[in-house]
C-alpha atoms as a PDB file:
ATOM      1  CA  MET A   1      -8.152 -29.552  -4.224  1.00  0.00           C
ATOM      2  CA  GLU A   2     -11.031 -31.269  -2.015  1.00  0.00           C
ATOM      3  CA  ASN A   3     -11.846 -29.472   0.461  1.00  0.00           C
ATOM      4  CA  PHE A   4      -8.506 -26.758  -0.267  1.00  0.00           C
ATOM      5  CA  PRO A   5      -9.343 -23.575   2.616  1.00  0.00           C
ATOM      6  CA  LYS A   6     -10.648 -19.955   1.799  1.00  0.00           C
ATOM      7  CA  ILE A   7      -7.801 -18.083   2.294  1.00  0.00           C
ATOM      8  CA  GLY A   8      -9.352 -14.240   2.824  1.00  0.00           C
ATOM      9  CA  TYR A   9      -8.366 -11.089   5.931  1.00  0.00           C
ATOM     10  CA  VAL A  10      -8.790 -12.346   8.981  1.00  0.00           C
ATOM     11  CA  GLY A  11      -7.982  -8.366  10.425  1.00  0.00           C
ATOM     12  CA  VAL A  12      -7.055  -5.181   9.930  1.00  0.00           C
ATOM     13  CA  GLY A  13      -4.847  -2.059  10.599  1.00  0.00           C
ATOM     14  CA  ARG A  14      -3.141   0.905  10.756  1.00  0.00           C
ATOM     15  CA  GLY A  15      -0.024   3.036  11.191  1.00  0.00           C
ATOM     16  CA  LEU A  16      -0.341   7.056  11.061  1.00  0.00           C
ATOM     17  CA  PRO A  17       1.948   9.469  12.547  1.00  0.00           C
ATOM     18  CA  GLU A  18      -0.096  11.953  14.649  1.00  0.00           C
ATOM     19  CA  LYS A  19       2.233  14.624  13.279  1.00  0.00           C
ATOM     20  CA  VAL A  20      -0.305  16.317  10.397  1.00  0.00           C
ATOM     21  CA  LEU A  21       0.865  18.502   6.949  1.00  0.00           C
ATOM     22  CA  THR A  22      -0.820  20.822   6.054  1.00  0.00           C
ATOM     23  CA  ASN A  23      -1.015  22.547   2.820  1.00  0.00           C
ATOM     24  CA  ASP A  24      -1.022  25.474   4.046  1.00  0.00           C
ATOM     25  CA  HIS A  25       2.607  24.396   6.111  1.00  0.00           C
ATOM     26  CA  LEU A  26       4.139  23.104   2.933  1.00  0.00           C
ATOM     27  CA  GLU A  27       3.494  27.296   1.197  1.00  0.00           C
ATOM     28  CA  ARG A  28       6.201  28.009   3.966  1.00  0.00           C
ATOM     29  CA  MET A  29       8.064  25.756   2.709  1.00  0.00           C
ATOM     30  CA  VAL A  30       8.286  25.924  -1.395  1.00  0.00           C
ATOM     31  CA  ASP A  31       6.470  27.993  -3.656  1.00  0.00           C
ATOM     32  CA  THR A  32       2.929  26.738  -4.022  1.00  0.00           C
ATOM     33  CA  SER A  33       0.171  27.064  -2.532  1.00  0.00           C
ATOM     34  CA  ASP A  34      -3.223  25.196  -1.089  1.00  0.00           C
ATOM     35  CA  GLU A  35      -4.829  25.536  -4.298  1.00  0.00           C
ATOM     36  CA  TRP A  36      -1.605  24.742  -6.859  1.00  0.00           C
ATOM     37  CA  ILE A  37      -1.587  21.302  -4.756  1.00  0.00           C
ATOM     38  CA  GLN A  38      -5.783  20.758  -4.407  1.00  0.00           C
ATOM     39  CA  GLN A  39      -5.451  20.783  -8.164  1.00  0.00           C
ATOM     40  CA  ARG A  40      -3.008  19.045  -9.567  1.00  0.00           C
ATOM     41  CA  THR A  41      -3.242  16.215  -6.408  1.00  0.00           C
ATOM     42  CA  GLY A  42      -6.502  16.476  -4.540  1.00  0.00           C
ATOM     43  CA  ILE A  43      -3.951  16.126  -0.883  1.00  0.00           C
ATOM     44  CA  LYS A  44      -5.146  18.343   1.063  1.00  0.00           C
ATOM     45  CA  THR A  45      -2.705  16.799   4.493  1.00  0.00           C
ATOM     46  CA  ARG A  46      -0.675  14.390   4.618  1.00  0.00           C
ATOM     47  CA  ARG A  47       1.641  12.621   8.045  1.00  0.00           C
ATOM     48  CA  ILE A  48       5.311  13.048   8.244  1.00  0.00           C
ATOM     49  CA  MET A  49       7.039  11.198  10.709  1.00  0.00           C
ATOM     50  CA  SER A  50       8.451  13.368  14.233  1.00  0.00           C
ATOM     51  CA  GLU A  51      10.648  13.468  16.153  1.00  0.00           C
ATOM     52  CA  GLY A  52      10.618   9.740  18.476  1.00  0.00           C
ATOM     53  CA  GLU A  53       8.467   8.036  15.066  1.00  0.00           C
ATOM     54  CA  THR A  54      10.324   5.622  13.049  1.00  0.00           C
ATOM     55  CA  LEU A  55       8.923   3.430  10.223  1.00  0.00           C
ATOM     56  CA  LEU A  56       9.409   0.569  12.926  1.00  0.00           C
ATOM     57  CA  SER A  57       7.529   2.102  15.431  1.00  0.00           C
ATOM     58  CA  ILE A  58       4.283   3.447  12.852  1.00  0.00           C
ATOM     59  CA  THR A  59       4.539  -0.478  11.057  1.00  0.00           C
ATOM     60  CA  THR A  60       4.502  -2.134  14.531  1.00  0.00           C
ATOM     61  CA  ASP A  61       0.958  -0.331  14.700  1.00  0.00           C
ATOM     62  CA  ALA A  62      -0.424  -1.395  11.781  1.00  0.00           C
ATOM     63  CA  ALA A  63       0.917  -4.765  12.395  1.00  0.00           C
ATOM     64  CA  ARG A  64      -0.899  -4.929  15.630  1.00  0.00           C
ATOM     65  CA  ASN A  65      -3.979  -3.090  15.857  1.00  0.00           C
ATOM     66  CA  ALA A  66      -4.539  -5.657  12.630  1.00  0.00           C
ATOM     67  CA  ILE A  67      -4.249  -8.830  14.945  1.00  0.00           C
ATOM     68  CA  GLU A  68      -6.136  -7.408  17.713  1.00  0.00           C
ATOM     69  CA  ASN A  69      -8.649  -6.917  15.110  1.00  0.00           C
ATOM     70  CA  ALA A  70      -8.363 -10.518  13.793  1.00  0.00           C
ATOM     71  CA  GLY A  71      -7.557 -11.762  17.366  1.00  0.00           C
ATOM     72  CA  ILE A  72      -5.804 -14.501  17.308  1.00  0.00           C
ATOM     73  CA  ASP A  73      -2.606 -15.050  19.024  1.00  0.00           C
ATOM     74  CA  PRO A  74       1.169 -14.202  17.268  1.00  0.00           C
ATOM     75  CA  GLN A  75       2.340 -16.894  17.760  1.00  0.00           C
ATOM     76  CA  GLN A  76      -0.620 -18.536  14.917  1.00  0.00           C
ATOM     77  CA  ILE A  77       1.435 -16.172  12.536  1.00  0.00           C
ATOM     78  CA  SER A  78       3.662 -18.174  10.639  1.00  0.00           C
ATOM     79  CA  TYR A  79       4.245 -15.742   7.697  1.00  0.00           C
ATOM     80  CA  ILE A  80       5.313 -12.289   7.742  1.00  0.00           C
ATOM     81  CA  ARG A  81       5.436  -9.720   4.739  1.00  0.00           C
ATOM     82  CA  ILE A  82       6.091  -6.132   4.055  1.00  0.00           C
ATOM     83  CA  GLY A  83       5.927  -4.433   0.848  1.00  0.00           C
ATOM     84  CA  VAL A  84       8.687  -1.129   1.750  1.00  0.00           C
ATOM     85  CA  ASN A  85      11.142   1.034  -0.205  1.00  0.00           C
ATOM     86  CA  SER A  86      11.790   3.500   1.720  1.00  0.00           C
ATOM     87  CA  HIS A  87      14.110   0.335   4.752  1.00  0.00           C
ATOM     88  CA  MET A  88      17.356   0.708   3.417  1.00  0.00           C
ATOM     89  CA  ARG A  89      19.160  -1.482   5.612  1.00  0.00           C
ATOM     90  CA  PHE A  90      19.155  -5.129   7.276  1.00  0.00           C
ATOM     91  CA  PRO A  91      17.982  -7.255   8.567  1.00  0.00           C
ATOM     92  CA  SER A  92      14.669  -6.466   7.334  1.00  0.00           C
ATOM     93  CA  LEU A  93      11.713  -4.116   8.537  1.00  0.00           C
ATOM     94  CA  ALA A  94       9.390  -7.434   8.210  1.00  0.00           C
ATOM     95  CA  THR A  95      12.847  -9.300  10.760  1.00  0.00           C
ATOM     96  CA  MET A  96      12.347  -6.458  13.601  1.00  0.00           C
ATOM     97  CA  VAL A  97       8.383  -6.585  13.171  1.00  0.00           C
ATOM     98  CA  GLN A  98       8.857 -10.097  14.872  1.00  0.00           C
ATOM     99  CA  ARG A  99      11.294  -9.096  16.971  1.00  0.00           C
ATOM    100  CA  GLU A 100       8.304  -6.275  18.169  1.00  0.00           C
ATOM    101  CA  LEU A 101       5.650  -8.904  18.023  1.00  0.00           C
ATOM    102  CA  LYS A 102       7.649 -11.733  20.194  1.00  0.00           C
ATOM    103  CA  ILE A 103       6.924 -13.756  17.953  1.00  0.00           C
ATOM    104  CA  LYS A 104       8.630 -17.192  17.726  1.00  0.00           C
ATOM    105  CA  ASP A 105      10.494 -19.007  13.877  1.00  0.00           C
ATOM    106  CA  ALA A 106       7.550 -17.436  11.730  1.00  0.00           C
ATOM    107  CA  GLN A 107       9.779 -16.604   8.930  1.00  0.00           C
ATOM    108  CA  SER A 108       9.642 -12.783   7.739  1.00  0.00           C
ATOM    109  CA  ALA A 109      11.502 -10.637   4.652  1.00  0.00           C
ATOM    110  CA  ASP A 110      10.790  -7.615   2.647  1.00  0.00           C
ATOM    111  CA  ILE A 111       9.750  -6.523  -0.505  1.00  0.00           C
ATOM    112  CA  SER A 112      10.386  -3.949  -2.960  1.00  0.00           C
ATOM    113  CA  ALA A 113       7.654  -3.554  -5.983  1.00  0.00           C
ATOM    114  CA  GLY A 114       7.513   0.165  -5.806  1.00  0.00           C
ATOM    115  CA  CYS A 115       3.955   1.492  -4.198  1.00  0.00           C
ATOM    116  CA  ALA A 116       2.842  -2.290  -5.761  1.00  0.00           C
ATOM    117  CA  GLY A 117       4.497  -3.850  -2.656  1.00  0.00           C
ATOM    118  CA  TYR A 118       1.911  -4.485  -0.850  1.00  0.00           C
ATOM    119  CA  ILE A 119      -0.029  -6.829  -3.916  1.00  0.00           C
ATOM    120  CA  PHE A 120       2.852  -8.830  -4.083  1.00  0.00           C
ATOM    121  CA  ALA A 121       3.278  -9.234  -0.463  1.00  0.00           C
ATOM    122  CA  VAL A 122      -0.567 -10.498  -0.494  1.00  0.00           C
ATOM    123  CA  GLU A 123       0.086 -12.489  -3.521  1.00  0.00           C
ATOM    124  CA  ASP A 124       3.530 -13.863  -1.668  1.00  0.00           C
ATOM    125  CA  ALA A 125       1.379 -14.732   1.744  1.00  0.00           C
ATOM    126  CA  LEU A 126      -1.104 -16.447  -0.936  1.00  0.00           C
ATOM    127  CA  ASN A 127       0.706 -18.883  -2.212  1.00  0.00           C
ATOM    128  CA  HIS A 128       2.525 -19.759   0.248  1.00  0.00           C
ATOM    129  CA  LEU A 129      -0.525 -20.488   2.896  1.00  0.00           C
ATOM    130  CA  ALA A 130      -2.100 -22.510   0.178  1.00  0.00           C
ATOM    131  CA  VAL A 131       1.548 -24.696   0.182  1.00  0.00           C
ATOM    132  CA  GLU A 132       1.875 -24.921   3.558  1.00  0.00           C
ATOM    133  CA  TYR A 133      -2.015 -26.634   3.602  1.00  0.00           C
ATOM    134  CA  ALA A 134      -1.363 -28.617   0.190  1.00  0.00           C
ATOM    135  CA  ARG A 135       1.744 -30.387   1.044  1.00  0.00           C
ATOM    136  CA  TYR A 136       1.872 -30.291   4.578  1.00  0.00           C
ATOM    137  CA  GLY A 137      -2.053 -29.873   5.925  1.00  0.00           C
ATOM    138  CA  LYS A 138      -1.232 -27.201   8.078  1.00  0.00           C
ATOM    139  CA  LYS A 139      -3.805 -23.980   8.391  1.00  0.00           C
ATOM    140  CA  THR A 140      -1.143 -21.161   9.479  1.00  0.00           C
ATOM    141  CA  TYR A 141      -1.840 -17.213   9.580  1.00  0.00           C
ATOM    142  CA  ALA A 142       0.120 -14.697   7.511  1.00  0.00           C
ATOM    143  CA  LEU A 143       0.846 -10.820   8.932  1.00  0.00           C
ATOM    144  CA  VAL A 144       1.136  -8.155   5.368  1.00  0.00           C
ATOM    145  CA  ILE A 145       2.262  -5.190   5.634  1.00  0.00           C
ATOM    146  CA  GLY A 146       2.376  -1.683   3.222  1.00  0.00           C
ATOM    147  CA  ALA A 147       4.435   0.685   5.023  1.00  0.00           C
ATOM    148  CA  ASP A 148       7.112   3.548   3.661  1.00  0.00           C
ATOM    149  CA  ALA A 149       8.575   6.839   5.124  1.00  0.00           C
ATOM    150  CA  LEU A 150       9.078   8.157   1.545  1.00  0.00           C
ATOM    151  CA  SER A 151       9.191  11.977   3.957  1.00  0.00           C
ATOM    152  CA  ARG A 152      12.663  10.573   4.226  1.00  0.00           C
ATOM    153  CA  ILE A 153      13.729  10.496   1.203  1.00  0.00           C
ATOM    154  CA  VAL A 154      11.927  13.161  -0.795  1.00  0.00           C
ATOM    155  CA  ASP A 155      13.147  15.892  -1.874  1.00  0.00           C
ATOM    156  CA  TRP A 156      11.846  19.345   0.222  1.00  0.00           C
ATOM    157  CA  THR A 157      12.503  21.947  -1.614  1.00  0.00           C
ATOM    158  CA  GLU A 158      11.022  20.151  -5.348  1.00  0.00           C
ATOM    159  CA  ARG A 159       7.183  21.401  -5.126  1.00  0.00           C
ATOM    160  CA  ALA A 160       6.242  18.824  -8.012  1.00  0.00           C
ATOM    161  CA  THR A 161       7.297  15.821  -5.292  1.00  0.00           C
ATOM    162  CA  CYS A 162       7.363  16.902  -1.884  1.00  0.00           C
ATOM    163  CA  VAL A 163       3.779  17.182  -2.244  1.00  0.00           C
ATOM    164  CA  LEU A 164       2.207  14.385  -2.966  1.00  0.00           C
ATOM    165  CA  PHE A 165       3.662  12.796  -0.138  1.00  0.00           C
ATOM    166  CA  GLY A 166       3.836  11.334   3.507  1.00  0.00           C
ATOM    167  CA  ASP A 167       4.249   8.108   5.974  1.00  0.00           C
ATOM    168  CA  GLY A 168       2.198   5.627   7.245  1.00  0.00           C
ATOM    169  CA  ALA A 169       1.446   1.373   7.674  1.00  0.00           C
ATOM    170  CA  GLY A 170      -1.435  -0.374   7.294  1.00  0.00           C
ATOM    171  CA  ALA A 171      -1.762  -4.110   8.083  1.00  0.00           C
ATOM    172  CA  ALA A 172      -3.794  -7.508   7.055  1.00  0.00           C
ATOM    173  CA  VAL A 173      -3.734 -10.557   8.755  1.00  0.00           C
ATOM    174  CA  LEU A 174      -4.605 -13.517   6.966  1.00  0.00           C
ATOM    175  CA  GLY A 175      -5.916 -17.317   7.574  1.00  0.00           C
ATOM    176  CA  PRO A 176      -9.022 -19.137   6.993  1.00  0.00           C
ATOM    177  CA  VAL A 177     -11.761 -18.242   6.241  1.00  0.00           C
ATOM    178  CA  GLU A 178     -15.097 -19.919   5.729  1.00  0.00           C
ATOM    179  CA  SER A 179     -16.460 -15.941   3.464  1.00  0.00           C
ATOM    180  CA  GLY A 180     -14.831 -13.836   2.863  1.00  0.00           C
ATOM    181  CA  GLU A 181     -12.136 -15.410   0.227  1.00  0.00           C
ATOM    182  CA  ILE A 182      -8.906 -13.681  -2.300  1.00  0.00           C
ATOM    183  CA  LEU A 183     -10.305 -14.871  -4.968  1.00  0.00           C
ATOM    184  CA  ALA A 184      -7.494 -14.017  -7.504  1.00  0.00           C
ATOM    185  CA  THR A 185      -3.688 -12.056  -7.342  1.00  0.00           C
ATOM    186  CA  HIS A 186      -2.466 -10.711 -10.933  1.00  0.00           C
ATOM    187  CA  THR A 187       1.185  -9.287 -10.512  1.00  0.00           C
ATOM    188  CA  ARG A 188       3.592  -8.492 -12.916  1.00  0.00           C
ATOM    189  CA  THR A 189       6.476  -5.387 -13.859  1.00  0.00           C
ATOM    190  CA  GLN A 190       7.753  -3.607 -17.070  1.00  0.00           C
ATOM    191  CA  GLY A 191      10.889  -3.290 -16.509  1.00  0.00           C
ATOM    192  CA  GLU A 192      11.608  -1.107 -19.328  1.00  0.00           C
ATOM    193  CA  TYR A 193      10.202   1.818 -17.088  1.00  0.00           C
ATOM    194  CA  THR A 194      12.830   1.937 -14.458  1.00  0.00           C
ATOM    195  CA  ASN A 195      14.556   5.366 -15.540  1.00  0.00           C
ATOM    196  CA  LEU A 196      10.669   6.997 -14.894  1.00  0.00           C
ATOM    197  CA  LEU A 197      10.817   6.634 -11.025  1.00  0.00           C
ATOM    198  CA  TYR A 198      13.631   5.428  -8.937  1.00  0.00           C
ATOM    199  CA  LEU A 199      15.980   5.935  -6.315  1.00  0.00           C
ATOM    200  CA  ASP A 200      19.272   4.742  -7.190  1.00  0.00           C
ATOM    201  CA  GLU A 201      21.413   5.931  -3.872  1.00  0.00           C
ATOM    202  CA  PHE A 202      20.521   5.720  -0.555  1.00  0.00           C
ATOM    203  CA  VAL A 203      19.648   9.315   1.426  1.00  0.00           C
ATOM    204  CA  TYR A 204      18.591  10.091   4.311  1.00  0.00           C
ATOM    205  CA  SER A 205      15.777  13.110   5.269  1.00  0.00           C
ATOM    206  CA  PRO A 206      15.349  13.834   8.879  1.00  0.00           C
ATOM    207  CA  MET A 207      12.026  15.638   9.528  1.00  0.00           C
ATOM    208  CA  LYS A 208      12.186  16.605  12.808  1.00  0.00           C
ATOM    209  CA  ASP A 209       9.912  18.961  12.699  1.00  0.00           C
ATOM    210  CA  SER A 210       7.797  19.412   9.854  1.00  0.00           C
ATOM    211  CA  THR A 211       5.326  22.969  10.993  1.00  0.00           C
ATOM    212  CA  ASN A 212       7.976  24.530  11.476  1.00  0.00           C
ATOM    213  CA  MET A 213      10.526  23.152   9.316  1.00  0.00           C
ATOM    214  CA  THR A 214      10.706  26.391   5.893  1.00  0.00           C
ATOM    215  CA  ILE A 215      13.144  25.587   2.639  1.00  0.00           C
ATOM    216  CA  GLU A 216      16.338  27.471   4.609  1.00  0.00           C
ATOM    217  CA  THR A 217      15.750  24.993   7.438  1.00  0.00           C
ATOM    218  CA  ALA A 218      15.421  21.970   4.982  1.00  0.00           C
ATOM    219  CA  PHE A 219      18.211  18.683   4.364  1.00  0.00           C
ATOM    220  CA  LYS A 220      19.855  19.496   1.761  1.00  0.00           C
ATOM    221  CA  THR A 221      21.547  17.358   0.170  1.00  0.00           C
ATOM    222  CA  ASN A 222      24.732  16.266  -3.100  1.00  0.00           C
ATOM    223  CA  TYR A 223      22.536  12.927  -2.794  1.00  0.00           C
ATOM    224  CA  PRO A 224      19.874  11.890  -5.261  1.00  0.00           C
ATOM    225  CA  PHE A 225      16.536  11.756  -3.355  1.00  0.00           C
ATOM    226  CA  LEU A 226      13.515   9.907  -4.733  1.00  0.00           C
ATOM    227  CA  HIS A 227      13.455  11.188  -8.757  1.00  0.00           C
ATOM    228  CA  MET A 228      10.102  11.187 -11.139  1.00  0.00           C
ATOM    229  CA  GLU A 229       8.590  12.154 -14.466  1.00  0.00           C
ATOM    230  CA  GLY A 230       5.627  12.624 -12.865  1.00  0.00           C
ATOM    231  CA  ARG A 231       3.816  13.172 -16.733  1.00  0.00           C
ATOM    232  CA  LYS A 232       5.453   9.871 -18.235  1.00  0.00           C
ATOM    233  CA  VAL A 233       4.752   8.046 -15.703  1.00  0.00           C
ATOM    234  CA  PHE A 234       1.173   9.358 -15.438  1.00  0.00           C
ATOM    235  CA  PRO A 235      -0.495   7.038 -18.418  1.00  0.00           C
ATOM    236  CA  VAL A 236       1.393   4.083 -17.773  1.00  0.00           C
ATOM    237  CA  ALA A 237      -0.210   3.749 -14.163  1.00  0.00           C
ATOM    238  CA  VAL A 238      -3.860   4.360 -15.747  1.00  0.00           C
ATOM    239  CA  ARG A 239      -3.067   1.642 -18.383  1.00  0.00           C
ATOM    240  CA  SER A 240      -1.129  -0.018 -16.210  1.00  0.00           C
ATOM    241  CA  MET A 241      -4.079  -0.349 -13.811  1.00  0.00           C
ATOM    242  CA  MET A 242      -6.759  -0.595 -15.817  1.00  0.00           C
ATOM    243  CA  ALA A 243      -5.118  -3.563 -17.896  1.00  0.00           C
ATOM    244  CA  ASP A 244      -4.510  -5.073 -14.344  1.00  0.00           C
ATOM    245  CA  ILE A 245      -8.159  -4.887 -13.175  1.00  0.00           C
ATOM    246  CA  LYS A 246      -9.283  -6.494 -16.410  1.00  0.00           C
ATOM    247  CA  ASN A 247      -6.074  -9.233 -16.324  1.00  0.00           C
ATOM    248  CA  VAL A 248      -6.609 -10.149 -12.480  1.00  0.00           C
ATOM    249  CA  ILE A 249     -10.513 -11.100 -13.221  1.00  0.00           C
ATOM    250  CA  ALA A 250      -9.943 -13.250 -16.358  1.00  0.00           C
ATOM    251  CA  LYS A 251      -7.584 -14.424 -14.258  1.00  0.00           C
ATOM    252  CA  TYR A 252     -10.112 -15.511 -11.529  1.00  0.00           C
ATOM    253  CA  ASN A 253     -12.643 -16.612 -14.601  1.00  0.00           C
ATOM    254  CA  HIS A 254      -9.735 -19.461 -16.188  1.00  0.00           C
ATOM    255  CA  ARG A 255     -11.187 -21.421 -13.244  1.00  0.00           C
ATOM    256  CA  ALA A 256     -13.917 -19.943 -12.261  1.00  0.00           C
ATOM    257  CA  ASP A 257     -17.637 -22.124 -11.425  1.00  0.00           C
ATOM    258  CA  GLU A 258     -19.098 -18.488 -11.680  1.00  0.00           C
ATOM    259  CA  PRO A 259     -17.334 -16.317 -14.258  1.00  0.00           C
ATOM    260  CA  VAL A 260     -16.996 -12.063 -12.345  1.00  0.00           C
ATOM    261  CA  GLU A 261     -18.138  -9.171 -14.758  1.00  0.00           C
ATOM    262  CA  LEU A 262     -16.356  -6.195 -14.286  1.00  0.00           C
ATOM    263  CA  SER A 263     -20.289  -5.447 -13.536  1.00  0.00           C
ATOM    264  CA  ASP A 264     -20.069  -7.736 -10.394  1.00  0.00           C
ATOM    265  CA  ILE A 265     -17.556  -5.418  -8.425  1.00  0.00           C
ATOM    266  CA  GLU A 266     -19.126  -3.211  -6.127  1.00  0.00           C
ATOM    267  CA  PHE A 267     -15.818  -1.136  -4.813  1.00  0.00           C
ATOM    268  CA  VAL A 268     -12.060  -0.590  -5.910  1.00  0.00           C
ATOM    269  CA  PHE A 269      -9.700   0.073  -3.922  1.00  0.00           C
ATOM    270  CA  PRO A 270      -7.330   1.963  -6.720  1.00  0.00           C
ATOM    271  CA  HIS A 271      -3.500   3.201  -5.452  1.00  0.00           C
ATOM    272  CA  GLN A 272      -3.452   6.356  -3.997  1.00  0.00           C
ATOM    273  CA  ALA A 273      -1.114   8.062  -6.016  1.00  0.00           C
ATOM    274  CA  ASN A 274      -3.270  11.314  -7.008  1.00  0.00           C
ATOM    275  CA  LEU A 275      -7.189  11.894  -7.255  1.00  0.00           C
ATOM    276  CA  ARG A 276      -6.289  12.150 -10.607  1.00  0.00           C
ATOM    277  CA  ILE A 277      -5.214   9.088 -11.294  1.00  0.00           C
ATOM    278  CA  VAL A 278      -7.523   7.211  -9.168  1.00  0.00           C
ATOM    279  CA  ALA A 279      -9.995   9.345 -11.525  1.00  0.00           C
ATOM    280  CA  ALA A 280      -9.036   8.231 -14.804  1.00  0.00           C
ATOM    281  CA  VAL A 281      -8.755   5.037 -13.422  1.00  0.00           C
ATOM    282  CA  GLN A 282     -12.157   5.550 -12.557  1.00  0.00           C
ATOM    283  CA  SER A 283     -13.457   6.942 -15.672  1.00  0.00           C
ATOM    284  CA  GLY A 284     -11.421   4.505 -18.313  1.00  0.00           C
ATOM    285  CA  MET A 285     -13.145   1.293 -16.523  1.00  0.00           C
ATOM    286  CA  LYS A 286     -16.596   2.827 -15.990  1.00  0.00           C
ATOM    287  CA  LEU A 287     -16.739   2.890 -12.622  1.00  0.00           C
ATOM    288  CA  LYS A 288     -19.076   5.456 -10.554  1.00  0.00           C
ATOM    289  CA  PRO A 289     -17.637   8.270  -8.444  1.00  0.00           C
ATOM    290  CA  GLU A 290     -18.710   5.848  -5.229  1.00  0.00           C
ATOM    291  CA  GLN A 291     -17.930   3.147  -6.152  1.00  0.00           C
ATOM    292  CA  VAL A 292     -14.401   3.663  -5.947  1.00  0.00           C
ATOM    293  CA  TYR A 293     -11.549   4.777  -2.331  1.00  0.00           C
ATOM    294  CA  ARG A 294     -10.170   8.211  -3.117  1.00  0.00           C
ATOM    295  CA  ASP A 295     -10.329   9.082   0.940  1.00  0.00           C
ATOM    296  CA  GLY A 296      -7.260   7.746   2.116  1.00  0.00           C
ATOM    297  CA  VAL A 297      -4.840  10.661  -0.903  1.00  0.00           C
ATOM    298  CA  ILE A 298      -7.110  13.101   0.529  1.00  0.00           C
ATOM    299  CA  ASN A 299      -6.634  12.872   3.966  1.00  0.00           C
ATOM    300  CA  PHE A 300      -2.742  11.340   3.837  1.00  0.00           C
ATOM    301  CA  GLY A 301      -1.305  11.546   0.254  1.00  0.00           C
ATOM    302  CA  ASN A 302       0.421   8.799  -1.370  1.00  0.00           C
ATOM    303  CA  THR A 303       1.948   6.334   2.001  1.00  0.00           C
ATOM    304  CA  SER A 304       3.058   4.460  -1.290  1.00  0.00           C
ATOM    305  CA  ALA A 305       3.002   0.850  -0.602  1.00  0.00           C
ATOM    306  CA  ALA A 306       0.678   1.872   2.309  1.00  0.00           C
ATOM    307  CA  THR A 307      -2.316   3.692   0.706  1.00  0.00           C
ATOM    308  CA  ILE A 308      -4.128   0.227   0.040  1.00  0.00           C
ATOM    309  CA  PRO A 309      -4.200  -1.062   3.603  1.00  0.00           C
ATOM    310  CA  ILE A 310      -4.760   1.810   5.457  1.00  0.00           C
ATOM    311  CA  GLY A 311      -7.391   2.160   3.665  1.00  0.00           C
ATOM    312  CA  TYR A 312      -9.094  -1.237   5.186  1.00  0.00           C
ATOM    313  CA  VAL A 313      -9.523   0.183   8.274  1.00  0.00           C
ATOM    314  CA  ASP A 314     -12.827   2.862   7.497  1.00  0.00           C
ATOM    315  CA  HIS A 315     -14.501  -0.214   5.303  1.00  0.00           C
ATOM    316  CA  TRP A 316     -13.556  -2.803   7.560  1.00  0.00           C
ATOM    317  CA  GLY A 317     -17.133  -4.686   7.826  1.00  0.00           C
ATOM    318  CA  LYS A 318     -19.286  -2.386   5.235  1.00  0.00           C
ATOM    319  CA  ARG A 319     -20.745  -4.141   1.637  1.00  0.00           C
ATOM    320  CA  PRO A 320     -20.607  -8.025   3.493  1.00  0.00           C
ATOM    321  CA  GLY A 321     -20.467 -10.312   0.784  1.00  0.00           C
ATOM    322  CA  ALA A 322     -19.597  -7.919  -1.776  1.00  0.00           C
ATOM    323  CA  ILE A 323     -16.540  -8.134  -4.518  1.00  0.00           C
ATOM    324  CA  GLU A 324     -14.057  -5.631  -4.342  1.00  0.00           C
ATOM    325  CA  ILE A 325     -10.594  -5.156  -6.757  1.00  0.00           C
ATOM    326  CA  ASP A 326      -7.452  -3.165  -5.498  1.00  0.00           C
ATOM    327  CA  VAL A 327      -5.209  -2.256  -7.908  1.00  0.00           C
ATOM    328  CA  SER A 328      -1.889  -0.734  -7.494  1.00  0.00           C
ATOM    329  CA  PHE A 329       0.842   0.584  -9.765  1.00  0.00           C
ATOM    330  CA  GLY A 330       5.015   1.597  -8.142  1.00  0.00           C
ATOM    331  CA  ALA A 331       8.453   1.939  -9.666  1.00  0.00           C
ATOM    332  CA  GLY A 332       9.680  -0.937 -11.242  1.00  0.00           C
ATOM    333  CA  PHE A 333       7.322   0.066 -12.950  1.00  0.00           C
ATOM    334  CA  ALA A 334       5.823  -2.914 -11.375  1.00  0.00           C
ATOM    335  CA  SER A 335       1.773  -3.438 -10.560  1.00  0.00           C
ATOM    336  CA  GLY A 336      -0.788  -5.909  -9.571  1.00  0.00           C
ATOM    337  CA  ALA A 337      -4.561  -6.620  -8.559  1.00  0.00           C
ATOM    338  CA  ILE A 338      -6.063  -8.592  -5.920  1.00  0.00           C
ATOM    339  CA  LEU A 339     -10.362  -9.286  -6.691  1.00  0.00           C
ATOM    340  CA  ARG A 340     -11.294 -10.438  -3.286  1.00  0.00           C
ATOM    341  CA  ARG A 341     -14.666 -11.050  -1.991  1.00  0.00           C
ATOM    342  CA  ASN A 342     -15.718  -9.471   1.223  1.00  0.00           C
ATOM    343  CA  ARG A 343     -16.408 -11.198   3.906  1.00  0.00           C
ATOM    344  CA  ASP A 344     -20.785 -12.188   4.637  1.00  0.00           C
END
């Protein structure tokens, strides 16, 4: 459509708990060590919510920071989508964030797509903004967030999983831009793998004092926690993210005047599941180490749907005009990618 607006990121932000849970802390909780954790995951520290912090509070912090970074009035936001898996209640987390921000009459909802929830939320918001303009001529903004508190649903006596996860939220404001537009999105699910990564009942695992936590003080229950068959998940995660990188480029090129090649991609934000998965995607796509984001998993662990937008904050304003890709994978198996150009 002639004069159709470019839509891209106009602001980013994140919200993180204050409590830092180190590998040394975990040594006092389960049979593990800093060396064991780093060799298998690359994780050094993660943030864990403590008393007085909630998923709502850190998500609202991320949203406020993104809106401030965007320099817009919150009332200009008409659409709120949050990729989240650990908010198992109603109303939606998105609606509660809307309340905290005092935004009137926005349309708010959560999206559950595992760790790929943020990618799904961006695609949904992008389509909404495009339709609002195409049908009604309205140029509005959307608030998109990835947020999770997996410390509340992880089994803190199971070393294979409890060392992986952290809590956090990352947010982005989408809207009309002069440069720095989202070029294409691609999402999908592979339902045949639902039994490899799941939480089939509600469970809440309070972590009031994670620093001094031991197995004896850890939350114990007969309800199931997050269940993951890591060795089976790993190869599918790597194959899926590599395929989604290729698919989102192909999708854009289907109607592009100037096609994009893999060699044109300057930087990739892969889901920060663990360092081995990140390295496998990098190697498989023949990318250089400096082209791939990995600081998130080292410093914050796997924050599920939040890993990619958390990383935006440290890279905002870098690589002007560069073409970049975000790619993620999670329970479902849900996966997807975003092809975008940085603003000039």
